[in-house]
C-alpha atoms as a PDB file:
ATOM      1  CA  MET A   1      -0.200  -0.218  -0.333  1.00  0.00           C
ATOM      2  CA  THR A   2       1.342   3.168  -0.894  1.00  0.00           C
ATOM      3  CA  THR A   3       1.086   6.081   1.787  1.00  0.00           C
ATOM      4  CA  LEU A   4       1.076   9.522   1.804  1.00  0.00           C
ATOM      5  CA  GLU A   5       4.943   9.508   3.359  1.00  0.00           C
ATOM      6  CA  ASP A   6       5.814   7.683  -0.276  1.00  0.00           C
ATOM      7  CA  ILE A   7       3.867   9.857  -2.122  1.00  0.00           C
ATOM      8  CA  ALA A   8       5.447  12.713  -0.693  1.00  0.00           C
ATOM      9  CA  ARG A   9       9.296  11.668  -0.388  1.00  0.00           C
ATOM     10  CA  VAL A  10       8.986  11.107  -4.716  1.00  0.00           C
ATOM     11  CA  HIS A  11       7.337  13.851  -5.977  1.00  0.00           C
ATOM     12  CA  THR A  12       9.010  16.717  -3.603  1.00  0.00           C
ATOM     13  CA  GLY A  13       7.440  19.801  -5.705  1.00  0.00           C
ATOM     14  CA  TRP A  14       3.894  18.726  -4.631  1.00  0.00           C
ATOM     15  CA  ILE A  15       2.183  18.605  -1.533  1.00  0.00           C
ATOM     16  CA  ILE A  16       0.226  15.684  -0.805  1.00  0.00           C
ATOM     17  CA  TRP A  17      -2.788  15.473   2.012  1.00  0.00           C
ATOM     18  CA  ARG A  18      -5.439  12.927   2.486  1.00  0.00           C
ATOM     19  CA  SER A  19      -9.462  14.945   2.646  1.00  0.00           C
ATOM     20  CA  ASP A  20     -11.802  14.764   5.511  1.00  0.00           C
ATOM     21  CA  LEU A  21     -13.975  12.495   3.510  1.00  0.00           C
ATOM     22  CA  GLY A  22     -10.933   9.697   1.950  1.00  0.00           C
ATOM     23  CA  ARG A  23      -9.902  11.871  -1.256  1.00  0.00           C
ATOM     24  CA  TRP A  24      -6.530  12.228  -1.917  1.00  0.00           C
ATOM     25  CA  TRP A  25      -5.319  15.700  -3.072  1.00  0.00           C
ATOM     26  CA  ALA A  26      -2.366  17.772  -4.653  1.00  0.00           C
ATOM     27  CA  THR A  27      -0.799  20.540  -5.570  1.00  0.00           C
ATOM     28  CA  ARG A  28       2.138  22.287  -6.750  1.00  0.00           C
ATOM     29  CA  ARG A  29       4.734  23.852  -4.509  1.00  0.00           C
ATOM     30  CA  GLY A  30       4.938  27.596  -7.451  1.00  0.00           C
ATOM     31  CA  SER A  31       2.394  28.220  -9.950  1.00  0.00           C
ATOM     32  CA  VAL A  32       1.951  27.306 -13.368  1.00  0.00           C
ATOM     33  CA  ASP A  33       1.901  29.481 -16.299  1.00  0.00           C
ATOM     34  CA  LEU A  34      -1.095  29.645 -18.359  1.00  0.00           C
ATOM     35  CA  GLU A  35       0.749  27.800 -21.124  1.00  0.00           C
ATOM     36  CA  ALA A  36       1.419  25.330 -19.079  1.00  0.00           C
ATOM     37  CA  ILE A  37      -1.877  24.537 -18.175  1.00  0.00           C
ATOM     38  CA  ARG A  38      -2.482  25.166 -22.125  1.00  0.00           C
ATOM     39  CA  GLN A  39      -0.807  21.241 -22.893  1.00  0.00           C
ATOM     40  CA  GLY A  40      -3.324  20.127 -19.895  1.00  0.00           C
ATOM     41  CA  CYS A  41      -0.540  21.104 -16.607  1.00  0.00           C
ATOM     42  CA  ALA A  42      -2.486  20.607 -13.724  1.00  0.00           C
ATOM     43  CA  MET A  43      -2.028  23.532 -10.533  1.00  0.00           C
ATOM     44  CA  THR A  44      -4.002  20.908  -8.090  1.00  0.00           C
ATOM     45  CA  LEU A  45      -5.223  17.218  -8.665  1.00  0.00           C
ATOM     46  CA  ASP A  46      -7.059  14.106  -6.898  1.00  0.00           C
ATOM     47  CA  ALA A  47      -7.892  11.122  -7.037  1.00  0.00           C
ATOM     48  CA  ASP A  48     -10.278   8.228  -4.662  1.00  0.00           C
ATOM     49  CA  ASP A  49      -6.733   6.348  -3.588  1.00  0.00           C
ATOM     50  CA  PRO A  50      -3.040   7.395  -2.883  1.00  0.00           C
ATOM     51  CA  GLU A  51      -1.976   4.676  -5.868  1.00  0.00           C
ATOM     52  CA  SER A  52      -3.994   7.102  -8.398  1.00  0.00           C
ATOM     53  CA  LEU A  53      -2.524  10.461  -7.089  1.00  0.00           C
ATOM     54  CA  ALA A  54       0.769   8.756  -7.676  1.00  0.00           C
ATOM     55  CA  ALA A  55       0.002   7.950 -11.204  1.00  0.00           C
ATOM     56  CA  GLU A  56      -1.270  11.025 -11.761  1.00  0.00           C
ATOM     57  CA  LEU A  57       0.853  12.762 -10.433  1.00  0.00           C
ATOM     58  CA  SER A  58       3.805  10.543 -12.511  1.00  0.00           C
ATOM     59  CA  ALA A  59       1.790  11.130 -15.278  1.00  0.00           C
ATOM     60  CA  GLN A  60       1.958  15.068 -15.260  1.00  0.00           C
ATOM     61  CA  GLU A  61       6.038  14.888 -14.560  1.00  0.00           C
ATOM     62  CA  ARG A  62       6.381  13.510 -17.650  1.00  0.00           C
ATOM     63  CA  LEU A  63       4.472  16.400 -19.500  1.00  0.00           C
ATOM     64  CA  ALA A  64       6.277  19.014 -17.720  1.00  0.00           C
ATOM     65  CA  GLY A  65       9.665  16.971 -18.419  1.00  0.00           C
ATOM     66  CA  THR A  66       8.404  16.553 -22.390  1.00  0.00           C
ATOM     67  CA  MET A  67       7.636  20.093 -22.364  1.00  0.00           C
ATOM     68  CA  ALA A  68      10.643  21.520 -20.899  1.00  0.00           C
ATOM     69  CA  GLU A  69      12.361  18.932 -23.866  1.00  0.00           C
ATOM     70  CA  ALA A  70      10.049  20.739 -26.668  1.00  0.00           C
ATOM     71  CA  GLN A  71      11.339  23.977 -25.412  1.00  0.00           C
ATOM     72  CA  LEU A  72      15.223  23.490 -25.410  1.00  0.00           C
ATOM     73  CA  ASP A  73      14.922  21.627 -28.934  1.00  0.00           C
ATOM     74  CA  LEU A  74      13.000  25.789 -29.792  1.00  0.00           C
ATOM     75  CA  ARG A  75      16.856  27.749 -29.051  1.00  0.00           C
END
């Protein structure tokens, strides 16, 4: 089972918590610019369980990596 601490240890750029209703949440440390939002980056994520949240966070990090590579290609 994945714990809140496990997720926070891997995804240090996010604040992770579980709501009183049992939903799992993450919000970015820092901001997301409009172009990143248009490309699919989220400021806040939620999920039913910790494994789903961890998967969503990993997808966000892959997206950010892809966007960073595209920026380098433009230079």
